[in-house]
Amino acid sequence: GKPGTKKMRQVMAHLHVTPQQTALIGDQAFTDMYCANRAGVLAILCRPICNRDQLVTTVKRGAEARALRRHERSRK
């Protein structure tokens, strides 16, 4: 069910926790961080732990890198 807010909410209900008590740690901004933000939980972006990605993930990582650089420049 990743990344999906429905599955995220099911897990939180199963664990009896609120979005304010929950964090999602992920390595993809366009999927993991988007899901966390939509579910209202803390989003923590980390570096990938694996060098091998599927083709679609490899393509997304390039776009994510550009978006993150643009975001960092806008914060300065």
PDB file of N, CA and C in Angstrom:
ATOM      1  N   GLY A   1       0.790  -1.201   0.000  1.00  0.00           N
ATOM      2  CA  GLY A   1       0.000   0.000   0.000  1.00  0.00           C
ATOM      3  C   GLY A   1       0.834   1.270   0.000  1.00  0.00           C
ATOM      4  N   LYS A   2       2.132   1.148  -0.230  1.00  0.00           N
ATOM      5  CA  LYS A   2       2.994   2.323  -0.163  1.00  0.00           C
ATOM      6  C   LYS A   2       3.104   2.943  -1.548  1.00  0.00           C
ATOM      7  N   PRO A   3       3.092   4.190  -1.689  1.00  0.00           N
ATOM      8  CA  PRO A   3       2.779   5.169  -0.665  1.00  0.00           C
ATOM      9  C   PRO A   3       1.302   5.528  -0.766  1.00  0.00           C
ATOM     10  N   GLY A   4       0.583   5.292   0.245  1.00  0.00           N
ATOM     11  CA  GLY A   4      -0.836   5.599   0.221  1.00  0.00           C
ATOM     12  C   GLY A   4      -1.333   6.069   1.568  1.00  0.00           C
ATOM     13  N   THR A   5      -2.133   7.119   1.558  1.00  0.00           N
ATOM     14  CA  THR A   5      -2.634   7.650   2.813  1.00  0.00           C
ATOM     15  C   THR A   5      -3.638   6.703   3.450  1.00  0.00           C
ATOM     16  N   LYS A   6      -4.371   5.942   2.636  1.00  0.00           N
ATOM     17  CA  LYS A   6      -5.336   4.990   3.192  1.00  0.00           C
ATOM     18  C   LYS A   6      -4.621   3.945   4.044  1.00  0.00           C
ATOM     19  N   LYS A   7      -3.563   3.379   3.502  1.00  0.00           N
ATOM     20  CA  LYS A   7      -2.791   2.370   4.246  1.00  0.00           C
ATOM     21  C   LYS A   7      -2.129   2.995   5.468  1.00  0.00           C
ATOM     22  N   MET A   8      -1.649   4.224   5.314  1.00  0.00           N
ATOM     23  CA  MET A   8      -1.010   4.930   6.424  1.00  0.00           C
ATOM     24  C   MET A   8      -2.002   5.119   7.573  1.00  0.00           C
ATOM     25  N   ARG A   9      -3.212   5.517   7.234  1.00  0.00           N
ATOM     26  CA  ARG A   9      -4.241   5.712   8.270  1.00  0.00           C
ATOM     27  C   ARG A   9      -4.633   4.384   8.916  1.00  0.00           C
ATOM     28  N   GLN A  10      -4.671   3.313   8.132  1.00  0.00           N
ATOM     29  CA  GLN A  10      -4.985   1.986   8.679  1.00  0.00           C
ATOM     30  C   GLN A  10      -3.927   1.564   9.695  1.00  0.00           C
ATOM     31  N   VAL A  11      -2.679   1.791   9.366  1.00  0.00           N
ATOM     32  CA  VAL A  11      -1.592   1.424  10.274  1.00  0.00           C
ATOM     33  C   VAL A  11      -1.659   2.262  11.549  1.00  0.00           C
ATOM     34  N   MET A  12      -1.912   3.559  11.407  1.00  0.00           N
ATOM     35  CA  MET A  12      -2.019   4.415  12.592  1.00  0.00           C
ATOM     36  C   MET A  12      -3.183   3.967  13.480  1.00  0.00           C
ATOM     37  N   ALA A  13      -4.309   3.605  12.877  1.00  0.00           N
ATOM     38  CA  ALA A  13      -5.460   3.134  13.656  1.00  0.00           C
ATOM     39  C   ALA A  13      -5.121   1.823  14.362  1.00  0.00           C
ATOM     40  N   HIS A  14      -4.447   0.931  13.654  1.00  0.00           N
ATOM     41  CA  HIS A  14      -4.052  -0.355  14.233  1.00  0.00           C
ATOM     42  C   HIS A  14      -3.116  -0.163  15.434  1.00  0.00           C
ATOM     43  N   LEU A  15      -2.244   0.815  15.345  1.00  0.00           N
ATOM     44  CA  LEU A  15      -1.282   1.087  16.416  1.00  0.00           C
ATOM     45  C   LEU A  15      -1.816   2.077  17.456  1.00  0.00           C
ATOM     46  N   HIS A  16      -3.036   2.581  17.219  1.00  0.00           N
ATOM     47  CA  HIS A  16      -3.668   3.536  18.138  1.00  0.00           C
ATOM     48  C   HIS A  16      -2.810   4.786  18.343  1.00  0.00           C
ATOM     49  N   VAL A  17      -2.335   5.346  17.217  1.00  0.00           N
ATOM     50  CA  VAL A  17      -1.557   6.580  17.270  1.00  0.00           C
ATOM     51  C   VAL A  17      -2.211   7.613  16.367  1.00  0.00           C
ATOM     52  N   THR A  18      -1.921   8.876  16.630  1.00  0.00           N
ATOM     53  CA  THR A  18      -2.449   9.975  15.835  1.00  0.00           C
ATOM     54  C   THR A  18      -1.400  10.416  14.812  1.00  0.00           C
ATOM     55  N   PRO A  19      -1.805  11.206  13.836  1.00  0.00           N
ATOM     56  CA  PRO A  19      -0.817  11.748  12.895  1.00  0.00           C
ATOM     57  C   PRO A  19       0.269  12.565  13.605  1.00  0.00           C
ATOM     58  N   GLN A  20      -0.089  13.245  14.691  1.00  0.00           N
ATOM     59  CA  GLN A  20       0.893  14.046  15.432  1.00  0.00           C
ATOM     60  C   GLN A  20       1.936  13.165  16.130  1.00  0.00           C
ATOM     61  N   GLN A  21       1.637  11.890  16.305  1.00  0.00           N
ATOM     62  CA  GLN A  21       2.561  10.959  16.952  1.00  0.00           C
ATOM     63  C   GLN A  21       3.305  10.098  15.933  1.00  0.00           C
ATOM     64  N   THR A  22       3.140  10.398  14.670  1.00  0.00           N
ATOM     65  CA  THR A  22       3.636   9.529  13.607  1.00  0.00           C
ATOM     66  C   THR A  22       4.612  10.267  12.710  1.00  0.00           C
ATOM     67  N   ALA A  23       5.614   9.545  12.222  1.00  0.00           N
ATOM     68  CA  ALA A  23       6.549  10.077  11.237  1.00  0.00           C
ATOM     69  C   ALA A  23       6.754   9.037  10.148  1.00  0.00           C
ATOM     70  N   LEU A  24       6.987   9.500   8.941  1.00  0.00           N
ATOM     71  CA  LEU A  24       7.317   8.624   7.828  1.00  0.00           C
ATOM     72  C   LEU A  24       8.709   9.008   7.356  1.00  0.00           C
ATOM     73  N   ILE A  25       9.593   8.038   7.339  1.00  0.00           N
ATOM     74  CA  ILE A  25      10.963   8.250   6.858  1.00  0.00           C
ATOM     75  C   ILE A  25      11.058   7.625   5.482  1.00  0.00           C
ATOM     76  N   GLY A  26      11.461   8.413   4.505  1.00  0.00           N
ATOM     77  CA  GLY A  26      11.545   7.898   3.150  1.00  0.00           C
ATOM     78  C   GLY A  26      12.642   8.569   2.364  1.00  0.00           C
ATOM     79  N   ASP A  27      12.951   7.966   1.213  1.00  0.00           N
ATOM     80  CA  ASP A  27      14.036   8.493   0.386  1.00  0.00           C
ATOM     81  C   ASP A  27      13.539   9.086  -0.927  1.00  0.00           C
ATOM     82  N   GLN A  28      12.229   9.220  -1.095  1.00  0.00           N
ATOM     83  CA  GLN A  28      11.692   9.787  -2.324  1.00  0.00           C
ATOM     84  C   GLN A  28      10.742  10.934  -1.999  1.00  0.00           C
ATOM     85  N   ALA A  29      11.054  12.103  -2.522  1.00  0.00           N
ATOM     86  CA  ALA A  29      10.246  13.286  -2.235  1.00  0.00           C
ATOM     87  C   ALA A  29       8.886  13.212  -2.919  1.00  0.00           C
ATOM     88  N   PHE A  30       8.841  12.729  -4.151  1.00  0.00           N
ATOM     89  CA  PHE A  30       7.589  12.740  -4.900  1.00  0.00           C
ATOM     90  C   PHE A  30       6.631  11.641  -4.465  1.00  0.00           C
ATOM     91  N   THR A  31       7.078  10.684  -3.704  1.00  0.00           N
ATOM     92  CA  THR A  31       6.179   9.613  -3.258  1.00  0.00           C
ATOM     93  C   THR A  31       6.076   9.589  -1.740  1.00  0.00           C
ATOM     94  N   ASP A  32       7.162   9.288  -1.061  1.00  0.00           N
ATOM     95  CA  ASP A  32       7.142   9.145   0.392  1.00  0.00           C
ATOM     96  C   ASP A  32       6.767  10.446   1.094  1.00  0.00           C
ATOM     97  N   MET A  33       7.391  11.544   0.719  1.00  0.00           N
ATOM     98  CA  MET A  33       7.126  12.815   1.388  1.00  0.00           C
ATOM     99  C   MET A  33       5.725  13.329   1.042  1.00  0.00           C
ATOM    100  N   TYR A  34       5.299  13.097  -0.190  1.00  0.00           N
ATOM    101  CA  TYR A  34       3.955  13.484  -0.603  1.00  0.00           C
ATOM    102  C   TYR A  34       2.912  12.718   0.223  1.00  0.00           C
ATOM    103  N   CYS A  35       3.114  11.421   0.391  1.00  0.00           N
ATOM    104  CA  CYS A  35       2.201  10.602   1.190  1.00  0.00           C
ATOM    105  C   CYS A  35       2.162  11.092   2.635  1.00  0.00           C
ATOM    106  N   ALA A  36       3.305  11.339   3.219  1.00  0.00           N
ATOM    107  CA  ALA A  36       3.368  11.792   4.612  1.00  0.00           C
ATOM    108  C   ALA A  36       2.627  13.118   4.782  1.00  0.00           C
ATOM    109  N   ASN A  37       2.849  14.046   3.875  1.00  0.00           N
ATOM    110  CA  ASN A  37       2.177  15.342   3.958  1.00  0.00           C
ATOM    111  C   ASN A  37       0.670  15.204   3.804  1.00  0.00           C
ATOM    112  N   ARG A  38       0.221  14.353   2.884  1.00  0.00           N
ATOM    113  CA  ARG A  38      -1.218  14.147   2.704  1.00  0.00           C
ATOM    114  C   ARG A  38      -1.846  13.479   3.915  1.00  0.00           C
ATOM    115  N   ALA A  39      -1.085  12.625   4.620  1.00  0.00           N
ATOM    116  CA  ALA A  39      -1.606  11.940   5.806  1.00  0.00           C
ATOM    117  C   ALA A  39      -1.492  12.805   7.050  1.00  0.00           C
ATOM    118  N   GLY A  40      -0.802  13.935   6.945  1.00  0.00           N
ATOM    119  CA  GLY A  40      -0.664  14.837   8.079  1.00  0.00           C
ATOM    120  C   GLY A  40       0.358  14.395   9.104  1.00  0.00           C
ATOM    121  N   VAL A  41       1.335  13.597   8.660  1.00  0.00           N
ATOM    122  CA  VAL A  41       2.372  13.119   9.575  1.00  0.00           C
ATOM    123  C   VAL A  41       3.702  13.802   9.265  1.00  0.00           C
ATOM    124  N   LEU A  42       4.629  13.729  10.197  1.00  0.00           N
ATOM    125  CA  LEU A  42       5.952  14.307  10.006  1.00  0.00           C
ATOM    126  C   LEU A  42       6.669  13.569   8.875  1.00  0.00           C
ATOM    127  N   ALA A  43       7.211  14.307   7.930  1.00  0.00           N
ATOM    128  CA  ALA A  43       7.925  13.730   6.794  1.00  0.00           C
ATOM    129  C   ALA A  43       9.423  13.936   6.987  1.00  0.00           C
ATOM    130  N   ILE A  44      10.180  12.841   6.949  1.00  0.00           N
ATOM    131  CA  ILE A  44      11.636  12.906   7.107  1.00  0.00           C
ATOM    132  C   ILE A  44      12.266  12.319   5.848  1.00  0.00           C
ATOM    133  N   LEU A  45      12.967  13.157   5.098  1.00  0.00           N
ATOM    134  CA  LEU A  45      13.626  12.726   3.866  1.00  0.00           C
ATOM    135  C   LEU A  45      15.054  12.303   4.178  1.00  0.00           C
ATOM    136  N   CYS A  46      15.421  11.089   3.765  1.00  0.00           N
ATOM    137  CA  CYS A  46      16.782  10.595   3.985  1.00  0.00           C
ATOM    138  C   CYS A  46      17.398  10.225   2.637  1.00  0.00           C
ATOM    139  N   ARG A  47      18.672   9.929   2.667  1.00  0.00           N
ATOM    140  CA  ARG A  47      19.367   9.489   1.454  1.00  0.00           C
ATOM    141  C   ARG A  47      19.012   8.025   1.194  1.00  0.00           C
ATOM    142  N   PRO A  48      18.976   7.620  -0.082  1.00  0.00           N
ATOM    143  CA  PRO A  48      18.712   6.209  -0.401  1.00  0.00           C
ATOM    144  C   PRO A  48      19.808   5.306   0.175  1.00  0.00           C
ATOM    145  N   ILE A  49      19.420   4.117   0.644  1.00  0.00           N
ATOM    146  CA  ILE A  49      20.413   3.191   1.185  1.00  0.00           C
ATOM    147  C   ILE A  49      20.853   2.173   0.144  1.00  0.00           C
ATOM    148  N   CYS A  50      20.220   2.194  -1.018  1.00  0.00           N
ATOM    149  CA  CYS A  50      20.541   1.242  -2.074  1.00  0.00           C
ATOM    150  C   CYS A  50      20.894   2.017  -3.342  1.00  0.00           C
ATOM    151  N   ASN A  51      21.901   1.568  -4.056  1.00  0.00           N
ATOM    152  CA  ASN A  51      22.309   2.226  -5.293  1.00  0.00           C
ATOM    153  C   ASN A  51      21.498   1.761  -6.500  1.00  0.00           C
ATOM    154  N   ARG A  52      20.777   0.648  -6.349  1.00  0.00           N
ATOM    155  CA  ARG A  52      20.030   0.093  -7.471  1.00  0.00           C
ATOM    156  C   ARG A  52      18.561   0.509  -7.356  1.00  0.00           C
ATOM    157  N   ASP A  53      18.047   1.140  -8.397  1.00  0.00           N
ATOM    158  CA  ASP A  53      16.656   1.552  -8.447  1.00  0.00           C
ATOM    159  C   ASP A  53      16.006   0.991  -9.696  1.00  0.00           C
ATOM    160  N   GLN A  54      14.684   0.890  -9.656  1.00  0.00           N
ATOM    161  CA  GLN A  54      13.952   0.556 -10.861  1.00  0.00           C
ATOM    162  C   GLN A  54      14.048   1.745 -11.799  1.00  0.00           C
ATOM    163  N   LEU A  55      13.805   1.518 -13.068  1.00  0.00           N
ATOM    164  CA  LEU A  55      13.946   2.575 -14.072  1.00  0.00           C
ATOM    165  C   LEU A  55      13.091   3.794 -13.727  1.00  0.00           C
ATOM    166  N   VAL A  56      11.848   3.576 -13.342  1.00  0.00           N
ATOM    167  CA  VAL A  56      10.959   4.712 -13.044  1.00  0.00           C
ATOM    168  C   VAL A  56      11.485   5.512 -11.846  1.00  0.00           C
ATOM    169  N   THR A  57      12.069   4.830 -10.862  1.00  0.00           N
ATOM    170  CA  THR A  57      12.617   5.525  -9.692  1.00  0.00           C
ATOM    171  C   THR A  57      13.857   6.316 -10.085  1.00  0.00           C
ATOM    172  N   THR A  58      14.670   5.770 -10.955  1.00  0.00           N
ATOM    173  CA  THR A  58      15.865   6.466 -11.425  1.00  0.00           C
ATOM    174  C   THR A  58      15.474   7.770 -12.124  1.00  0.00           C
ATOM    175  N   VAL A  59      14.454   7.715 -12.941  1.00  0.00           N
ATOM    176  CA  VAL A  59      13.984   8.911 -13.646  1.00  0.00           C
ATOM    177  C   VAL A  59      13.449   9.927 -12.641  1.00  0.00           C
ATOM    178  N   LYS A  60      12.661   9.466 -11.670  1.00  0.00           N
ATOM    179  CA  LYS A  60      12.093  10.377 -10.668  1.00  0.00           C
ATOM    180  C   LYS A  60      13.178  11.023  -9.821  1.00  0.00           C
ATOM    181  N   ARG A  61      14.239  10.293  -9.515  1.00  0.00           N
ATOM    182  CA  ARG A  61      15.294  10.851  -8.665  1.00  0.00           C
ATOM    183  C   ARG A  61      15.943  12.077  -9.300  1.00  0.00           C
ATOM    184  N   GLY A  62      16.110  12.075 -10.601  1.00  0.00           N
ATOM    185  CA  GLY A  62      16.660  13.246 -11.285  1.00  0.00           C
ATOM    186  C   GLY A  62      15.754  14.452 -11.134  1.00  0.00           C
ATOM    187  N   ALA A  63      14.463  14.242 -11.337  1.00  0.00           N
ATOM    188  CA  ALA A  63      13.498  15.333 -11.189  1.00  0.00           C
ATOM    189  C   ALA A  63      13.425  15.782  -9.732  1.00  0.00           C
ATOM    190  N   GLU A  64      13.484  14.838  -8.804  1.00  0.00           N
ATOM    191  CA  GLU A  64      13.460  15.180  -7.382  1.00  0.00           C
ATOM    192  C   GLU A  64      14.681  16.011  -7.000  1.00  0.00           C
ATOM    193  N   ALA A  65      15.843  15.647  -7.517  1.00  0.00           N
ATOM    194  CA  ALA A  65      17.073  16.386  -7.195  1.00  0.00           C
ATOM    195  C   ALA A  65      16.954  17.836  -7.656  1.00  0.00           C
ATOM    196  N   ARG A  66      16.417  18.036  -8.866  1.00  0.00           N
ATOM    197  CA  ARG A  66      16.238  19.407  -9.367  1.00  0.00           C
ATOM    198  C   ARG A  66      15.237  20.169  -8.495  1.00  0.00           C
ATOM    199  N   ALA A  67      14.138  19.525  -8.131  1.00  0.00           N
ATOM    200  CA  ALA A  67      13.117  20.190  -7.311  1.00  0.00           C
ATOM    201  C   ALA A  67      13.667  20.528  -5.930  1.00  0.00           C
ATOM    202  N   LEU A  68      14.447  19.631  -5.344  1.00  0.00           N
ATOM    203  CA  LEU A  68      15.013  19.884  -4.016  1.00  0.00           C
ATOM    204  C   LEU A  68      16.042  21.007  -4.058  1.00  0.00           C
ATOM    205  N   ARG A  69      16.856  21.065  -5.117  1.00  0.00           N
ATOM    206  CA  ARG A  69      17.810  22.170  -5.258  1.00  0.00           C
ATOM    207  C   ARG A  69      17.080  23.499  -5.383  1.00  0.00           C
ATOM    208  N   ARG A  70      16.019  23.516  -6.183  1.00  0.00           N
ATOM    209  CA  ARG A  70      15.228  24.731  -6.358  1.00  0.00           C
ATOM    210  C   ARG A  70      14.587  25.136  -5.024  1.00  0.00           C
ATOM    211  N   HIS A  71      14.108  24.175  -4.282  1.00  0.00           N
ATOM    212  CA  HIS A  71      13.512  24.456  -2.971  1.00  0.00           C
ATOM    213  C   HIS A  71      14.555  25.037  -2.010  1.00  0.00           C
ATOM    214  N   GLU A  72      15.733  24.458  -1.984  1.00  0.00           N
ATOM    215  CA  GLU A  72      16.804  24.966  -1.103  1.00  0.00           C
ATOM    216  C   GLU A  72      17.187  26.393  -1.466  1.00  0.00           C
ATOM    217  N   ARG A  73      17.290  26.682  -2.760  1.00  0.00           N
ATOM    218  CA  ARG A  73      17.624  28.049  -3.188  1.00  0.00           C
ATOM    219  C   ARG A  73      16.538  29.032  -2.776  1.00  0.00           C
ATOM    220  N   SER A  74      15.289  28.608  -2.819  1.00  0.00           N
ATOM    221  CA  SER A  74      14.202  29.518  -2.458  1.00  0.00           C
ATOM    222  C   SER A  74      14.154  29.801  -0.963  1.00  0.00           C
ATOM    223  N   ARG A  75      14.725  28.922  -0.158  1.00  0.00           N
ATOM    224  CA  ARG A  75      14.733  29.105   1.296  1.00  0.00           C
ATOM    225  C   ARG A  75      15.814  30.057   1.751  1.00  0.00           C
ATOM    226  N   LYS A  76      16.802  30.356   0.873  1.00  0.00           N
ATOM    227  CA  LYS A  76      17.926  31.228   1.250  1.00  0.00           C
ATOM    228  C   LYS A  76      17.620  32.677   0.996  1.00  0.00           C
TER     229      LYS A  76
END
